[in-house]
Amino acid sequence: MRVVLQRVTHAQVEVENKVVGRIDHGLLLLVGIKMGDTEEDIQYVSDKIVGLRIFEDQVGKMNQSIMDAGGAILSVSQFTLYGDTSKGRRPSFIEAARPEIAKPLYERFNRNLSANGLHVETGVFGADMAVSLVNDGPVTLIVESKNH
């Protein structure tokens, strides 16, 4: 599992020109599920994200988690995180989990985040989405499960 995480002051996702998910202060998560990912991968990555101290405290140090900072999450599925560009000019997506495998794991990931008391908004799995954001910092990190 691979998640590109961006600390944001605002983020939203639209499907067919309609806003389907929107947050202010928090994290935008672009979520990729790989063939072979398991519940263990989902648990590891969700726990890691909840505990990451990437929000500033009163003295300007990145010392607070999203829980401490009172932020929300916008989670967007993105199979292209597993695009292999090593050969040719067209990416190969054979490492990305098929939708029937990825969707339940993605939904479980979002439930794990919500179970920690976080407000979680999402895009629409498998849809063409327009994502907009204001990156705060900028802070952008990649979080991967132990299987990578």
N, C-alpha and C. Protein backbone atom coordinates (compact mmCIF):
# COMPACT_ATOMS: atom_id res chain seq x y z
N MET A 1 0.85 -1.18 0.00
CA MET A 1 0.00 0.00 0.00
C MET A 1 0.89 1.23 0.00
N ARG A 2 0.46 2.22 -0.75
CA ARG A 2 1.22 3.47 -0.86
C ARG A 2 0.25 4.65 -0.74
N VAL A 3 0.61 5.60 0.11
CA VAL A 3 -0.21 6.79 0.29
C VAL A 3 0.67 8.02 0.14
N VAL A 4 0.28 8.91 -0.76
CA VAL A 4 0.91 10.22 -0.84
C VAL A 4 0.05 11.14 0.02
N LEU A 5 0.69 11.71 1.03
CA LEU A 5 0.00 12.48 2.06
C LEU A 5 0.43 13.94 1.92
N GLN A 6 -0.54 14.84 1.88
CA GLN A 6 -0.23 16.26 1.80
C GLN A 6 -0.98 17.00 2.91
N ARG A 7 -0.24 17.79 3.67
CA ARG A 7 -0.87 18.63 4.69
C ARG A 7 -1.50 19.81 3.95
N VAL A 8 -2.77 20.07 4.22
CA VAL A 8 -3.49 21.08 3.45
C VAL A 8 -4.24 22.06 4.34
N THR A 9 -4.45 23.25 3.79
CA THR A 9 -5.36 24.21 4.43
C THR A 9 -6.75 24.09 3.83
N HIS A 10 -6.84 23.45 2.66
CA HIS A 10 -8.11 23.22 1.98
C HIS A 10 -7.89 22.16 0.91
N ALA A 11 -8.85 21.27 0.74
CA ALA A 11 -8.81 20.29 -0.36
C ALA A 11 -10.24 19.87 -0.67
N GLN A 12 -10.46 19.58 -1.94
CA GLN A 12 -11.77 19.06 -2.33
C GLN A 12 -11.62 18.17 -3.56
N VAL A 13 -12.62 17.32 -3.74
CA VAL A 13 -12.67 16.44 -4.90
C VAL A 13 -14.05 16.56 -5.53
N GLU A 14 -14.04 16.65 -6.85
CA GLU A 14 -15.28 16.78 -7.61
C GLU A 14 -15.41 15.60 -8.57
N VAL A 15 -16.65 15.17 -8.77
CA VAL A 15 -17.00 14.18 -9.78
C VAL A 15 -18.13 14.78 -10.60
N GLU A 16 -17.93 14.88 -11.90
CA GLU A 16 -18.90 15.48 -12.81
C GLU A 16 -19.32 16.86 -12.34
N ASN A 17 -18.33 17.68 -11.99
CA ASN A 17 -18.51 19.07 -11.56
C ASN A 17 -19.31 19.22 -10.27
N LYS A 18 -19.42 18.17 -9.48
CA LYS A 18 -20.11 18.23 -8.19
C LYS A 18 -19.12 17.88 -7.09
N VAL A 19 -19.03 18.73 -6.07
CA VAL A 19 -18.14 18.45 -4.94
C VAL A 19 -18.68 17.26 -4.17
N VAL A 20 -17.84 16.21 -4.05
CA VAL A 20 -18.25 15.00 -3.32
C VAL A 20 -17.50 14.84 -2.00
N GLY A 21 -16.42 15.59 -1.83
CA GLY A 21 -15.65 15.56 -0.60
C GLY A 21 -14.89 16.86 -0.44
N ARG A 22 -14.89 17.40 0.79
CA ARG A 22 -14.23 18.69 1.01
C ARG A 22 -13.78 18.78 2.46
N ILE A 23 -12.54 19.26 2.67
CA ILE A 23 -12.05 19.53 4.02
C ILE A 23 -11.34 20.87 4.04
N ASP A 24 -11.19 21.38 5.22
CA ASP A 24 -10.31 22.53 5.40
C ASP A 24 -9.02 21.98 6.00
N HIS A 25 -8.57 22.46 7.09
CA HIS A 25 -7.33 22.06 7.75
C HIS A 25 -7.24 20.53 7.92
N GLY A 26 -6.19 19.93 7.38
CA GLY A 26 -6.02 18.48 7.54
C GLY A 26 -5.08 17.86 6.55
N LEU A 27 -5.44 16.65 6.10
CA LEU A 27 -4.60 15.87 5.20
C LEU A 27 -5.38 15.42 3.97
N LEU A 28 -4.76 15.59 2.82
CA LEU A 28 -5.24 14.96 1.59
C LEU A 28 -4.43 13.69 1.43
N LEU A 29 -5.11 12.57 1.28
CA LEU A 29 -4.45 11.28 1.09
C LEU A 29 -4.78 10.74 -0.29
N LEU A 30 -3.76 10.49 -1.10
CA LEU A 30 -3.91 9.79 -2.38
C LEU A 30 -3.52 8.35 -2.10
N VAL A 31 -4.45 7.43 -2.25
CA VAL A 31 -4.31 6.07 -1.72
C VAL A 31 -4.21 5.05 -2.85
N GLY A 32 -3.10 4.32 -2.88
CA GLY A 32 -2.91 3.24 -3.85
C GLY A 32 -2.84 1.90 -3.15
N ILE A 33 -3.58 0.93 -3.68
CA ILE A 33 -3.58 -0.43 -3.15
C ILE A 33 -2.88 -1.32 -4.18
N LYS A 34 -1.94 -2.12 -3.70
CA LYS A 34 -1.13 -3.00 -4.56
C LYS A 34 -1.63 -4.43 -4.47
N MET A 35 -1.44 -5.17 -5.55
CA MET A 35 -1.74 -6.61 -5.52
C MET A 35 -0.99 -7.22 -4.35
N GLY A 36 -1.67 -8.01 -3.55
CA GLY A 36 -1.04 -8.67 -2.41
C GLY A 36 -1.20 -7.91 -1.10
N ASP A 37 -1.70 -6.67 -1.15
CA ASP A 37 -1.92 -5.94 0.10
C ASP A 37 -3.00 -6.65 0.92
N THR A 38 -2.84 -6.56 2.24
CA THR A 38 -3.73 -7.26 3.17
C THR A 38 -4.26 -6.27 4.21
N GLU A 39 -5.12 -6.80 5.08
CA GLU A 39 -5.63 -6.02 6.20
C GLU A 39 -4.47 -5.50 7.07
N GLU A 40 -3.42 -6.29 7.18
CA GLU A 40 -2.25 -5.87 7.96
C GLU A 40 -1.62 -4.61 7.37
N ASP A 41 -1.52 -4.54 6.05
CA ASP A 41 -0.98 -3.35 5.39
C ASP A 41 -1.88 -2.14 5.66
N ILE A 42 -3.18 -2.35 5.57
CA ILE A 42 -4.15 -1.28 5.80
C ILE A 42 -4.00 -0.75 7.23
N GLN A 43 -3.91 -1.67 8.19
CA GLN A 43 -3.79 -1.28 9.60
C GLN A 43 -2.50 -0.51 9.85
N TYR A 44 -1.40 -1.02 9.30
CA TYR A 44 -0.09 -0.38 9.50
C TYR A 44 -0.11 1.06 8.98
N VAL A 45 -0.59 1.25 7.74
CA VAL A 45 -0.55 2.58 7.13
C VAL A 45 -1.53 3.53 7.83
N SER A 46 -2.72 3.06 8.16
CA SER A 46 -3.67 3.95 8.84
C SER A 46 -3.14 4.36 10.21
N ASP A 47 -2.56 3.42 10.96
CA ASP A 47 -1.96 3.76 12.26
C ASP A 47 -0.82 4.77 12.10
N LYS A 48 0.01 4.56 11.10
CA LYS A 48 1.15 5.45 10.85
C LYS A 48 0.65 6.87 10.57
N ILE A 49 -0.35 7.00 9.73
CA ILE A 49 -0.87 8.33 9.35
C ILE A 49 -1.49 9.03 10.55
N VAL A 50 -2.27 8.30 11.33
CA VAL A 50 -2.91 8.90 12.52
C VAL A 50 -1.86 9.42 13.50
N GLY A 51 -0.73 8.73 13.62
CA GLY A 51 0.28 9.11 14.60
C GLY A 51 1.36 10.05 14.12
N LEU A 52 1.46 10.29 12.81
CA LEU A 52 2.53 11.15 12.29
C LEU A 52 2.43 12.56 12.87
N ARG A 53 3.55 13.03 13.38
CA ARG A 53 3.60 14.38 13.95
C ARG A 53 4.10 15.35 12.88
N ILE A 54 3.17 15.87 12.09
CA ILE A 54 3.53 16.73 10.96
C ILE A 54 2.80 18.07 10.98
N PHE A 55 2.10 18.35 12.08
CA PHE A 55 1.45 19.64 12.24
C PHE A 55 2.22 20.44 13.27
N GLU A 56 2.27 21.74 13.07
CA GLU A 56 3.07 22.59 13.94
C GLU A 56 2.41 22.81 15.30
N ASP A 57 3.25 22.85 16.33
CA ASP A 57 2.78 23.19 17.67
C ASP A 57 2.86 24.70 17.87
N GLN A 58 2.72 25.15 19.12
CA GLN A 58 2.70 26.58 19.43
C GLN A 58 4.01 27.29 19.10
N VAL A 59 5.12 26.55 19.05
CA VAL A 59 6.41 27.18 18.75
C VAL A 59 6.88 26.91 17.32
N GLY A 60 5.99 26.39 16.48
CA GLY A 60 6.31 26.22 15.07
C GLY A 60 7.03 24.93 14.71
N LYS A 61 7.15 24.00 15.65
CA LYS A 61 7.79 22.71 15.34
C LYS A 61 6.73 21.70 14.91
N MET A 62 7.09 20.85 13.95
CA MET A 62 6.18 19.77 13.55
C MET A 62 6.19 18.75 14.69
N ASN A 63 5.22 18.88 15.57
CA ASN A 63 5.20 18.09 16.78
C ASN A 63 3.81 17.58 17.12
N GLN A 64 2.82 17.84 16.25
CA GLN A 64 1.46 17.41 16.53
C GLN A 64 0.95 16.47 15.44
N SER A 65 0.17 15.50 15.86
CA SER A 65 -0.49 14.60 14.91
C SER A 65 -1.76 15.28 14.40
N ILE A 66 -2.39 14.66 13.44
CA ILE A 66 -3.66 15.19 12.93
C ILE A 66 -4.70 15.21 14.04
N MET A 67 -4.63 14.24 14.95
CA MET A 67 -5.55 14.20 16.09
C MET A 67 -5.31 15.42 16.99
N ASP A 68 -4.05 15.69 17.30
CA ASP A 68 -3.70 16.83 18.16
C ASP A 68 -4.12 18.15 17.52
N ALA A 69 -3.97 18.24 16.20
CA ALA A 69 -4.24 19.48 15.48
C ALA A 69 -5.71 19.67 15.13
N GLY A 70 -6.54 18.64 15.38
CA GLY A 70 -7.96 18.75 15.08
C GLY A 70 -8.27 18.82 13.60
N GLY A 71 -7.48 18.13 12.79
CA GLY A 71 -7.66 18.16 11.34
C GLY A 71 -8.59 17.07 10.84
N ALA A 72 -8.96 17.19 9.58
CA ALA A 72 -9.81 16.21 8.89
C ALA A 72 -9.00 15.56 7.78
N ILE A 73 -9.59 14.54 7.17
CA ILE A 73 -8.92 13.80 6.09
C ILE A 73 -9.81 13.78 4.85
N LEU A 74 -9.18 14.01 3.71
CA LEU A 74 -9.82 13.76 2.41
C LEU A 74 -9.04 12.63 1.77
N SER A 75 -9.67 11.48 1.62
CA SER A 75 -9.04 10.27 1.10
C SER A 75 -9.53 10.01 -0.32
N VAL A 76 -8.58 9.90 -1.25
CA VAL A 76 -8.91 9.71 -2.66
C VAL A 76 -8.16 8.49 -3.19
N SER A 77 -8.89 7.53 -3.73
CA SER A 77 -8.25 6.34 -4.29
C SER A 77 -7.51 6.73 -5.56
N GLN A 78 -6.31 6.14 -5.75
CA GLN A 78 -5.50 6.49 -6.92
C GLN A 78 -4.61 5.33 -7.31
N PHE A 79 -5.13 4.48 -8.20
CA PHE A 79 -4.36 3.31 -8.63
C PHE A 79 -3.09 3.69 -9.38
N THR A 80 -3.04 4.90 -9.94
CA THR A 80 -1.86 5.30 -10.71
C THR A 80 -0.61 5.44 -9.86
N LEU A 81 -0.74 5.39 -8.53
CA LEU A 81 0.45 5.40 -7.68
C LEU A 81 1.31 4.16 -7.92
N TYR A 82 0.71 3.14 -8.53
CA TYR A 82 1.46 1.94 -8.88
C TYR A 82 1.74 1.84 -10.37
N GLY A 83 1.81 2.99 -11.03
CA GLY A 83 2.20 3.01 -12.43
C GLY A 83 3.70 2.80 -12.58
N ASP A 84 4.08 1.81 -13.37
CA ASP A 84 5.50 1.52 -13.62
C ASP A 84 5.89 2.19 -14.93
N THR A 85 6.82 3.12 -14.86
CA THR A 85 7.26 3.86 -16.05
C THR A 85 8.65 3.46 -16.51
N SER A 86 9.14 2.31 -16.04
CA SER A 86 10.51 1.92 -16.33
C SER A 86 10.73 1.49 -17.79
N LYS A 87 9.67 1.07 -18.47
CA LYS A 87 9.81 0.64 -19.86
C LYS A 87 8.81 1.39 -20.73
N GLY A 88 9.26 1.76 -21.90
CA GLY A 88 8.38 2.39 -22.87
C GLY A 88 7.89 3.75 -22.42
N ARG A 89 6.81 4.19 -23.05
CA ARG A 89 6.28 5.52 -22.78
C ARG A 89 4.89 5.48 -22.14
N ARG A 90 4.31 4.31 -22.07
CA ARG A 90 3.00 4.17 -21.45
C ARG A 90 3.17 3.43 -20.13
N PRO A 91 2.69 4.00 -19.01
CA PRO A 91 2.85 3.30 -17.73
C PRO A 91 2.10 1.97 -17.72
N SER A 92 2.65 1.03 -17.00
CA SER A 92 2.00 -0.26 -16.76
C SER A 92 1.42 -0.23 -15.35
N PHE A 93 0.21 -0.71 -15.20
CA PHE A 93 -0.45 -0.69 -13.90
C PHE A 93 -0.69 -2.09 -13.36
N ILE A 94 0.13 -3.05 -13.77
CA ILE A 94 -0.11 -4.43 -13.36
C ILE A 94 0.11 -4.67 -11.87
N GLU A 95 0.86 -3.78 -11.19
CA GLU A 95 1.06 -3.93 -9.76
C GLU A 95 -0.14 -3.44 -8.95
N ALA A 96 -0.97 -2.59 -9.53
CA ALA A 96 -2.14 -2.07 -8.83
C ALA A 96 -3.17 -3.18 -8.66
N ALA A 97 -3.78 -3.22 -7.48
CA ALA A 97 -4.81 -4.23 -7.23
C ALA A 97 -6.02 -3.96 -8.11
N ARG A 98 -6.66 -5.04 -8.54
CA ARG A 98 -7.88 -4.93 -9.33
C ARG A 98 -8.98 -4.29 -8.48
N PRO A 99 -9.92 -3.60 -9.10
CA PRO A 99 -10.95 -2.88 -8.34
C PRO A 99 -11.70 -3.74 -7.32
N GLU A 100 -12.00 -4.98 -7.67
CA GLU A 100 -12.76 -5.82 -6.73
C GLU A 100 -11.96 -6.18 -5.48
N ILE A 101 -10.66 -6.06 -5.56
CA ILE A 101 -9.79 -6.28 -4.39
C ILE A 101 -9.50 -4.94 -3.70
N ALA A 102 -9.19 -3.92 -4.49
CA ALA A 102 -8.78 -2.63 -3.95
C ALA A 102 -9.91 -1.90 -3.24
N LYS A 103 -11.11 -1.95 -3.77
CA LYS A 103 -12.20 -1.16 -3.19
C LYS A 103 -12.50 -1.54 -1.74
N PRO A 104 -12.66 -2.84 -1.41
CA PRO A 104 -12.91 -3.17 0.00
C PRO A 104 -11.75 -2.79 0.92
N LEU A 105 -10.51 -2.89 0.44
CA LEU A 105 -9.37 -2.51 1.26
C LEU A 105 -9.32 -0.99 1.45
N TYR A 106 -9.62 -0.25 0.41
CA TYR A 106 -9.69 1.21 0.50
C TYR A 106 -10.78 1.63 1.50
N GLU A 107 -11.93 1.00 1.42
CA GLU A 107 -13.02 1.32 2.34
C GLU A 107 -12.64 0.97 3.78
N ARG A 108 -11.94 -0.15 3.96
CA ARG A 108 -11.47 -0.54 5.29
C ARG A 108 -10.48 0.49 5.83
N PHE A 109 -9.58 0.95 4.98
CA PHE A 109 -8.62 1.98 5.35
C PHE A 109 -9.33 3.23 5.88
N ASN A 110 -10.36 3.67 5.17
CA ASN A 110 -11.11 4.86 5.58
C ASN A 110 -11.85 4.61 6.89
N ARG A 111 -12.40 3.42 7.07
CA ARG A 111 -13.06 3.09 8.35
C ARG A 111 -12.07 3.10 9.50
N ASN A 112 -10.85 2.60 9.26
CA ASN A 112 -9.81 2.63 10.30
C ASN A 112 -9.52 4.06 10.73
N LEU A 113 -9.41 4.96 9.77
CA LEU A 113 -9.15 6.36 10.09
C LEU A 113 -10.31 6.95 10.89
N SER A 114 -11.53 6.68 10.45
CA SER A 114 -12.72 7.18 11.15
C SER A 114 -12.83 6.62 12.56
N ALA A 115 -12.43 5.36 12.74
CA ALA A 115 -12.51 4.71 14.05
C ALA A 115 -11.64 5.41 15.08
N ASN A 116 -10.67 6.20 14.63
CA ASN A 116 -9.83 6.97 15.53
C ASN A 116 -10.45 8.32 15.90
N GLY A 117 -11.66 8.55 15.42
CA GLY A 117 -12.35 9.80 15.73
C GLY A 117 -12.12 10.90 14.71
N LEU A 118 -11.47 10.56 13.60
CA LEU A 118 -11.21 11.56 12.57
C LEU A 118 -12.40 11.72 11.65
N HIS A 119 -12.62 12.96 11.20
CA HIS A 119 -13.62 13.21 10.16
C HIS A 119 -12.97 12.87 8.82
N VAL A 120 -13.56 11.93 8.08
CA VAL A 120 -12.99 11.47 6.82
C VAL A 120 -13.99 11.70 5.69
N GLU A 121 -13.55 12.44 4.69
CA GLU A 121 -14.30 12.63 3.46
C GLU A 121 -13.59 11.81 2.38
N THR A 122 -14.30 11.42 1.34
CA THR A 122 -13.70 10.61 0.28
C THR A 122 -14.14 11.10 -1.10
N GLY A 123 -13.40 10.62 -2.08
CA GLY A 123 -13.84 10.76 -3.45
C GLY A 123 -14.76 9.59 -3.77
N VAL A 124 -14.91 9.29 -5.06
CA VAL A 124 -15.74 8.16 -5.50
C VAL A 124 -14.81 7.15 -6.14
N PHE A 125 -14.71 5.96 -5.55
CA PHE A 125 -13.80 4.93 -6.03
C PHE A 125 -14.06 4.64 -7.50
N GLY A 126 -13.00 4.69 -8.31
CA GLY A 126 -13.08 4.33 -9.72
C GLY A 126 -13.59 5.43 -10.63
N ALA A 127 -14.02 6.55 -10.08
CA ALA A 127 -14.55 7.64 -10.91
C ALA A 127 -13.42 8.53 -11.41
N ASP A 128 -13.69 9.28 -12.48
CA ASP A 128 -12.80 10.35 -12.90
C ASP A 128 -13.04 11.50 -11.93
N MET A 129 -11.99 11.93 -11.25
CA MET A 129 -12.15 12.94 -10.21
C MET A 129 -11.23 14.12 -10.49
N ALA A 130 -11.67 15.30 -10.07
CA ALA A 130 -10.86 16.51 -10.11
C ALA A 130 -10.54 16.87 -8.66
N VAL A 131 -9.26 16.82 -8.31
CA VAL A 131 -8.82 17.09 -6.95
C VAL A 131 -8.11 18.43 -6.93
N SER A 132 -8.52 19.28 -5.98
CA SER A 132 -7.82 20.56 -5.82
C SER A 132 -7.43 20.70 -4.36
N LEU A 133 -6.31 21.41 -4.15
CA LEU A 133 -5.81 21.55 -2.79
C LEU A 133 -4.92 22.77 -2.66
N VAL A 134 -4.77 23.19 -1.41
CA VAL A 134 -3.76 24.16 -1.06
C VAL A 134 -2.84 23.45 -0.08
N ASN A 135 -1.61 23.14 -0.54
CA ASN A 135 -0.65 22.40 0.27
C ASN A 135 -0.08 23.37 1.31
N ASP A 136 -0.12 22.96 2.56
CA ASP A 136 0.32 23.79 3.68
C ASP A 136 1.76 23.44 4.02
N GLY A 137 2.65 24.35 3.79
CA GLY A 137 4.06 24.13 4.14
C GLY A 137 5.02 24.50 3.03
N PRO A 138 5.10 23.78 1.96
CA PRO A 138 4.37 22.55 1.64
C PRO A 138 4.93 21.35 2.41
N VAL A 139 4.01 20.48 2.80
CA VAL A 139 4.39 19.22 3.43
C VAL A 139 3.77 18.10 2.61
N THR A 140 4.61 17.26 2.02
CA THR A 140 4.18 16.10 1.24
C THR A 140 5.07 14.92 1.61
N LEU A 141 4.44 13.82 1.98
CA LEU A 141 5.17 12.61 2.38
C LEU A 141 4.59 11.40 1.68
N ILE A 142 5.39 10.35 1.59
CA ILE A 142 4.91 9.06 1.08
C ILE A 142 4.98 8.07 2.22
N VAL A 143 3.85 7.41 2.47
CA VAL A 143 3.78 6.39 3.52
C VAL A 143 3.50 5.06 2.83
N GLU A 144 4.32 4.06 3.09
CA GLU A 144 4.13 2.74 2.48
C GLU A 144 4.04 1.67 3.56
N SER A 145 3.33 0.60 3.21
CA SER A 145 3.23 -0.50 4.14
C SER A 145 4.55 -1.26 4.21
N LYS A 146 4.66 -2.12 5.18
CA LYS A 146 5.91 -2.87 5.41
C LYS A 146 6.26 -3.77 4.24
N ASN A 147 5.29 -4.10 3.41
CA ASN A 147 5.53 -5.04 2.30
C ASN A 147 6.25 -4.40 1.12
N HIS A 148 6.74 -3.17 1.26
CA HIS A 148 7.39 -2.50 0.12
C HIS A 148 8.85 -2.29 0.40
